Amino acid sequence: MMDDPEVDEAALRQSLRYIRGVNRVLGGQRALLGQLKRWSSDWATGEPVTLLDIATGSADLPMAAVHWASHHGIDLHVTGVDNHPKTLAIAREHVAGQAELAERIELVESDALQLIDQFGPRSFDYVHAGLFLHHLTDIRVQTMLRIMERLARKGVIWNDLVRSPIARAGIFLLTVGRSTIIRHDARVSVAAGFTKAEALKFARMSWEHKPEIRTDFFAQRFTVTCRK
């Protein structure tokens, strides 16, 4: 429902606020920052690092990444892309509220499947997509993973939802009493998630480089990465 171009703005803001909380508490931030931390051991001091965040939503993950990087003296610059104008406008408000982070975050309206045409191959050191690929058909999941690998010079991070009875039960409980849009979208998203085997299969079919997977049982999320 929140992907509808005509979605009510108040309902959209409420949904994005809910997703920020989910990312903060249930693994989204941990998945991205944990992987960047692992890779950062090879970064030269003072080396600029670029990250593309696909389907950035309200840009909470770019903000978390820049905050982490700044705290550790890392010169990280993030480009967040989203194709929903209302969502992107909310993201710009969210980022503008923290001026010390805003100068390192660029927000761009773009169709994820057209990113190669817009930016070109190897345009970013790292490319991340969180809670996005479950929106796509199987063939588009493969297309998107190929695009992500082509855009990245050094590594790719795919973070998404595990599809399981535990995840379904958990999201049902977590959305009790929430608004219609939150209940609908959260439950549909979990139902559209991936098993560990499916995620690895898609990555192996799509990437030239070997994928690795980590799972978070408590959050019912997985992270598939490849290093180039």
Protein backbone atom coordinates (compact mmCIF):
# COMPACT_ATOMS: atom_id res chain seq x y z
CA MET A 1 0.00 0.00 0.00
CA MET A 2 2.84 2.42 0.75
CA ASP A 3 4.20 1.97 -2.79
CA ASP A 4 1.02 3.45 -4.28
CA PRO A 5 1.84 6.89 -5.76
CA GLU A 6 -1.46 8.17 -4.33
CA VAL A 7 -0.86 6.88 -0.80
CA ASP A 8 -2.04 9.21 1.96
CA GLU A 9 0.97 11.19 3.18
CA ALA A 10 0.14 10.85 6.86
CA ALA A 11 -0.20 7.07 6.49
CA LEU A 12 3.07 6.96 4.53
CA ARG A 13 4.90 8.91 7.25
CA GLN A 14 3.56 6.51 9.85
CA SER A 15 4.72 3.50 7.82
CA LEU A 16 8.20 4.94 7.28
CA ARG A 17 8.49 5.68 10.99
CA TYR A 18 7.58 2.05 11.69
CA ILE A 19 10.22 0.81 9.23
CA ARG A 20 12.84 3.00 10.89
CA GLY A 21 12.01 1.34 14.19
CA VAL A 22 12.17 -2.12 12.62
CA ASN A 23 15.57 -1.36 11.09
CA ARG A 24 16.87 0.01 14.37
CA VAL A 25 15.63 -2.82 16.59
CA LEU A 26 15.28 -5.81 14.26
CA GLY A 27 18.51 -6.02 12.36
CA GLY A 28 18.49 -3.61 9.44
CA GLN A 29 21.12 -1.31 10.88
CA ARG A 30 23.13 -4.23 12.29
CA ALA A 31 23.22 -5.93 8.91
CA LEU A 32 24.59 -2.92 7.04
CA LEU A 33 26.92 -1.55 9.70
CA GLY A 34 28.23 -4.97 10.66
CA GLN A 35 29.26 -5.69 7.09
CA LEU A 36 30.81 -2.26 6.56
CA LYS A 37 32.75 -2.74 9.81
CA ARG A 38 34.11 -6.08 8.60
CA TRP A 39 35.22 -4.61 5.28
CA SER A 40 36.59 -1.40 6.82
CA SER A 41 39.63 -3.24 8.20
CA ASP A 42 41.06 -3.05 4.68
CA TRP A 43 40.34 0.64 4.10
CA ALA A 44 43.27 3.05 4.08
CA THR A 45 43.16 5.87 6.62
CA GLY A 46 41.44 8.89 5.10
CA GLU A 47 40.30 6.93 2.04
CA PRO A 48 36.93 8.21 0.73
CA VAL A 49 34.31 5.45 0.58
CA THR A 50 31.07 5.57 -1.42
CA LEU A 51 27.89 3.61 -0.79
CA LEU A 52 24.68 3.34 -2.83
CA ASP A 53 21.51 2.56 -0.85
CA ILE A 54 18.74 1.30 -3.14
CA ALA A 55 15.09 1.95 -2.18
CA THR A 56 16.31 4.12 0.66
CA GLY A 57 12.89 4.90 2.15
CA SER A 58 13.30 7.68 4.70
CA ALA A 59 17.11 7.34 4.48
CA ASP A 60 17.50 5.97 8.00
CA LEU A 61 20.16 3.47 6.92
CA PRO A 62 22.30 6.09 5.09
CA MET A 63 22.08 8.26 8.20
CA ALA A 64 23.10 5.37 10.46
CA ALA A 65 26.00 4.52 8.15
CA VAL A 66 27.30 8.09 7.99
CA HIS A 67 26.95 8.48 11.76
CA TRP A 68 28.94 5.26 12.30
CA ALA A 69 31.58 6.32 9.78
CA SER A 70 31.98 9.79 11.26
CA HIS A 71 32.42 8.30 14.73
CA HIS A 72 35.25 6.12 13.39
CA GLY A 73 36.94 8.79 11.28
CA ILE A 74 35.82 7.28 7.97
CA ASP A 75 35.02 9.56 5.03
CA LEU A 76 31.82 7.82 3.89
CA HIS A 77 29.46 9.35 1.33
CA VAL A 78 26.08 7.73 0.66
CA THR A 79 23.74 8.09 -2.30
CA GLY A 80 20.19 7.00 -1.47
CA VAL A 81 17.79 6.33 -4.34
CA ASP A 82 14.03 5.81 -4.33
CA ASN A 83 11.43 6.04 -7.08
CA HIS A 84 8.56 7.23 -4.84
CA PRO A 85 8.42 11.06 -4.86
CA LYS A 86 6.50 11.34 -1.58
CA THR A 87 8.86 8.96 0.18
CA LEU A 88 11.88 10.84 -1.14
CA ALA A 89 10.46 14.17 0.05
CA ILE A 90 10.06 12.71 3.55
CA ALA A 91 13.61 11.34 3.37
CA ARG A 92 14.96 14.79 2.50
CA GLU A 93 13.16 16.25 5.52
CA HIS A 94 14.54 13.48 7.71
CA VAL A 95 18.13 14.04 6.54
CA ALA A 96 17.90 17.84 6.68
CA GLY A 97 17.05 17.55 10.37
CA GLN A 98 20.64 16.45 11.08
CA ALA A 99 22.87 18.94 9.30
CA GLU A 100 26.10 17.24 10.37
CA LEU A 101 25.09 14.17 8.34
CA ALA A 102 23.30 15.84 5.45
CA GLU A 103 26.43 16.96 3.60
CA ARG A 104 27.49 13.32 3.19
CA ILE A 105 24.13 12.04 1.95
CA GLU A 106 22.70 12.64 -1.52
CA LEU A 107 19.12 11.61 -2.25
CA VAL A 108 18.10 10.89 -5.85
CA GLU A 109 14.80 9.92 -7.44
CA SER A 110 15.46 6.89 -9.62
CA ASP A 111 14.00 3.60 -10.81
CA ALA A 112 16.22 0.88 -9.34
CA LEU A 113 16.09 -1.16 -12.54
CA GLN A 114 17.51 1.81 -14.49
CA LEU A 115 20.44 2.56 -12.19
CA ILE A 116 23.12 1.33 -14.61
CA ASP A 117 21.88 3.82 -17.20
CA GLN A 118 21.91 6.62 -14.63
CA PHE A 119 25.23 5.96 -12.87
CA GLY A 120 27.19 3.47 -14.97
CA PRO A 121 29.12 0.33 -13.93
CA ARG A 122 31.45 0.46 -10.90
CA SER A 123 30.16 3.87 -9.84
CA PHE A 124 30.20 3.08 -6.09
CA ASP A 125 32.52 1.19 -3.78
CA TYR A 126 29.62 -0.65 -2.16
CA VAL A 127 25.96 -1.18 -3.06
CA HIS A 128 23.26 -2.05 -0.52
CA ALA A 129 19.59 -2.97 -0.80
CA GLY A 130 17.54 -3.57 2.33
CA LEU A 131 13.90 -4.70 2.51
CA PHE A 132 13.50 -4.11 -1.22
CA LEU A 133 13.97 -7.21 -3.33
CA HIS A 134 10.98 -8.97 -1.79
CA HIS A 135 8.87 -6.40 -3.70
CA LEU A 136 10.04 -7.91 -7.00
CA THR A 137 9.20 -10.92 -9.15
CA ASP A 138 11.81 -13.68 -9.29
CA ILE A 139 13.23 -12.59 -12.64
CA ARG A 140 13.52 -9.01 -11.42
CA VAL A 141 15.26 -10.17 -8.25
CA GLN A 142 17.95 -11.69 -10.45
CA THR A 143 18.10 -8.58 -12.64
CA MET A 144 18.44 -6.34 -9.60
CA LEU A 145 21.21 -8.45 -8.08
CA ARG A 146 23.13 -8.30 -11.36
CA ILE A 147 22.70 -4.52 -11.47
CA MET A 148 23.94 -4.22 -7.89
CA GLU A 149 27.07 -6.22 -8.68
CA ARG A 150 27.77 -4.16 -11.81
CA LEU A 151 27.39 -0.89 -9.92
CA ALA A 152 29.84 -1.92 -7.18
CA ARG A 153 33.61 -1.70 -7.33
CA LYS A 154 34.25 -3.59 -4.09
CA GLY A 155 31.21 -5.27 -2.58
CA VAL A 156 27.46 -5.84 -2.46
CA ILE A 157 25.11 -6.18 0.54
CA TRP A 158 21.58 -7.59 0.23
CA ASN A 159 19.55 -7.55 3.45
CA ASP A 160 15.98 -8.84 3.52
CA LEU A 161 13.29 -10.79 5.34
CA VAL A 162 13.26 -14.51 6.07
CA ARG A 163 10.02 -16.21 5.06
CA SER A 164 9.13 -18.69 7.78
CA PRO A 165 6.31 -19.60 10.18
CA ILE A 166 8.27 -17.90 12.97
CA ALA A 167 8.54 -14.68 10.95
CA ARG A 168 4.84 -14.74 10.11
CA ALA A 169 3.87 -15.23 13.74
CA GLY A 170 6.29 -12.54 14.86
CA ILE A 171 5.10 -9.91 12.42
CA PHE A 172 1.48 -10.69 13.26
CA LEU A 173 2.18 -9.96 16.93
CA LEU A 174 4.31 -6.89 16.18
CA THR A 175 1.56 -5.30 14.08
CA VAL A 176 -1.41 -5.93 16.34
CA GLY A 177 -3.11 -2.59 16.95
CA ARG A 178 -1.16 -0.84 14.19
CA SER A 179 -2.71 1.06 11.31
CA THR A 180 -4.18 -0.76 8.32
CA ILE A 181 -1.27 0.15 6.05
CA ILE A 182 1.34 -1.07 8.54
CA ARG A 183 -0.49 -4.34 9.24
CA HIS A 184 -1.03 -5.02 5.55
CA ASP A 185 2.41 -4.09 4.24
CA ALA A 186 4.40 -5.73 7.03
CA ARG A 187 2.54 -9.03 6.79
CA VAL A 188 2.62 -9.08 2.99
CA SER A 189 6.34 -8.31 3.05
CA VAL A 190 7.14 -11.26 5.32
CA ALA A 191 5.01 -13.54 3.13
CA ALA A 192 7.05 -12.34 0.12
CA GLY A 193 10.40 -12.88 1.82
CA PHE A 194 12.98 -15.57 1.06
CA THR A 195 14.23 -18.74 2.64
CA LYS A 196 17.99 -19.01 3.15
CA ALA A 197 18.20 -21.49 0.29
CA GLU A 198 16.27 -19.20 -2.05
CA ALA A 199 18.42 -16.18 -1.22
CA LEU A 200 21.64 -18.11 -1.88
CA LYS A 201 20.21 -19.55 -5.10
CA PHE A 202 19.36 -16.10 -6.44
CA ALA A 203 22.77 -14.73 -5.48
CA ARG A 204 24.65 -17.64 -7.06
CA MET A 205 22.62 -17.34 -10.25
CA SER A 206 23.16 -13.59 -10.47
CA TRP A 207 26.66 -12.80 -9.17
CA GLU A 208 30.02 -13.65 -10.68
CA HIS A 209 31.58 -13.51 -7.22
CA LYS A 210 30.92 -16.01 -4.44
CA PRO A 211 28.08 -15.00 -2.08
CA GLU A 212 28.17 -15.41 1.68
CA ILE A 213 25.09 -15.43 3.88
CA ARG A 214 24.46 -14.52 7.51
CA THR A 215 21.15 -14.94 9.27
CA ASP A 216 19.68 -13.27 12.33
CA PHE A 217 17.28 -15.71 13.95
CA PHE A 218 15.87 -13.17 16.42
CA ALA A 219 15.12 -10.62 13.69
CA GLN A 220 14.24 -13.25 11.05
CA ARG A 221 16.44 -11.47 8.54
CA PHE A 222 19.35 -12.51 6.35
CA THR A 223 22.28 -10.70 4.77
CA VAL A 224 23.87 -11.97 1.55
CA THR A 225 27.14 -10.32 0.52
CA CYS A 226 29.82 -10.66 -2.10
CA ARG A 227 33.25 -9.10 -2.18
CA LYS A 228 34.78 -8.26 -5.55
